[in-house]
Amino acid sequence: MAVAKDKVQKMNLVTNTRQFFVEVAQEMKKIVWPSREVLIQSTATVLVITLVLTVYMGLADIILRSLYNAFNAL
């Protein structure tokens, strides 16, 4: 009895796994990938924003550290 139950569970696992990958393949066909131009523009935008925020945070750190050290020197 236990052997039959284990066999059914293993078959369900195989069936469920196969069904999962079939559904993944179906969903992948629905994806609309961006064009090369859109991808390049989006990447450039992210890089520019990252650079601007990095410079801003660096300057803020330098200014706040200077102020902190000036107050500690008093």
Protein backbone atom coordinates (compact mmCIF):
# COMPACT_ATOMS: atom_id res chain seq x y z
CA MET A 1 0.00 0.00 0.00
CA ALA A 2 2.77 2.44 0.94
CA VAL A 3 4.69 1.62 -2.25
CA ALA A 4 1.70 2.54 -4.41
CA LYS A 5 1.25 5.81 -2.53
CA ASP A 6 4.93 6.73 -3.00
CA LYS A 7 4.67 5.92 -6.70
CA VAL A 8 1.62 8.15 -7.10
CA GLN A 9 3.37 11.00 -5.24
CA LYS A 10 6.43 10.68 -7.49
CA MET A 11 4.22 10.69 -10.59
CA ASN A 12 2.42 13.78 -9.29
CA LEU A 13 5.79 15.45 -8.73
CA VAL A 14 6.90 14.65 -12.28
CA THR A 15 3.57 15.74 -13.74
CA ASN A 16 3.51 18.96 -11.73
CA THR A 17 7.12 19.76 -12.66
CA ARG A 18 6.43 19.14 -16.34
CA GLN A 19 3.29 21.30 -16.17
CA PHE A 20 5.25 24.09 -14.46
CA PHE A 21 7.83 24.21 -17.25
CA VAL A 22 5.12 24.11 -19.92
CA GLU A 23 3.45 27.11 -18.29
CA VAL A 24 6.79 28.92 -17.99
CA ALA A 25 7.38 28.42 -21.72
CA GLN A 26 3.90 29.75 -22.49
CA GLU A 27 4.47 32.85 -20.35
CA MET A 28 7.89 33.48 -21.93
CA LYS A 29 6.21 33.66 -25.34
CA LYS A 30 3.98 36.49 -24.05
CA ILE A 31 6.88 38.73 -23.05
CA VAL A 32 7.39 41.86 -25.12
CA TRP A 33 11.13 42.58 -25.04
CA PRO A 34 12.29 46.19 -25.43
CA SER A 35 13.97 47.26 -28.64
CA ARG A 36 17.71 47.84 -28.69
CA GLU A 37 17.23 51.61 -28.73
CA VAL A 38 14.91 51.58 -25.71
CA LEU A 39 17.27 49.28 -23.85
CA ILE A 40 20.27 51.54 -24.53
CA GLN A 41 18.31 54.66 -23.54
CA SER A 42 17.08 53.08 -20.31
CA THR A 43 20.56 51.85 -19.41
CA ALA A 44 22.05 55.29 -20.07
CA THR A 45 19.37 56.91 -17.91
CA VAL A 46 20.09 54.55 -15.02
CA LEU A 47 23.84 55.16 -15.31
CA VAL A 48 23.44 58.95 -15.38
CA ILE A 49 21.10 58.97 -12.39
CA THR A 50 23.47 56.67 -10.50
CA LEU A 51 26.42 58.95 -11.27
CA VAL A 52 24.52 62.09 -10.21
CA LEU A 53 23.36 60.52 -6.95
CA THR A 54 26.86 59.21 -6.23
CA VAL A 55 28.36 62.67 -6.65
CA TYR A 56 25.58 64.21 -4.54
CA MET A 57 26.03 61.69 -1.72
CA GLY A 58 29.82 62.08 -1.84
CA LEU A 59 29.59 65.88 -1.57
CA ALA A 60 27.02 65.63 1.22
CA ASP A 61 29.32 63.24 3.07
CA ILE A 62 32.32 65.56 2.72
CA ILE A 63 30.32 68.62 3.87
CA LEU A 64 28.69 66.86 6.81
CA ARG A 65 32.00 65.29 7.88
CA SER A 66 33.65 68.74 7.77
CA LEU A 67 30.86 70.24 9.87
CA TYR A 68 31.08 67.36 12.35
CA ASN A 69 34.85 67.76 12.69
CA ALA A 70 34.48 71.54 13.09
CA PHE A 71 32.00 71.11 15.95
CA ASN A 72 34.20 68.48 17.60
CA ALA A 73 37.18 70.85 17.45
CA LEU A 74 35.34 73.40 19.59
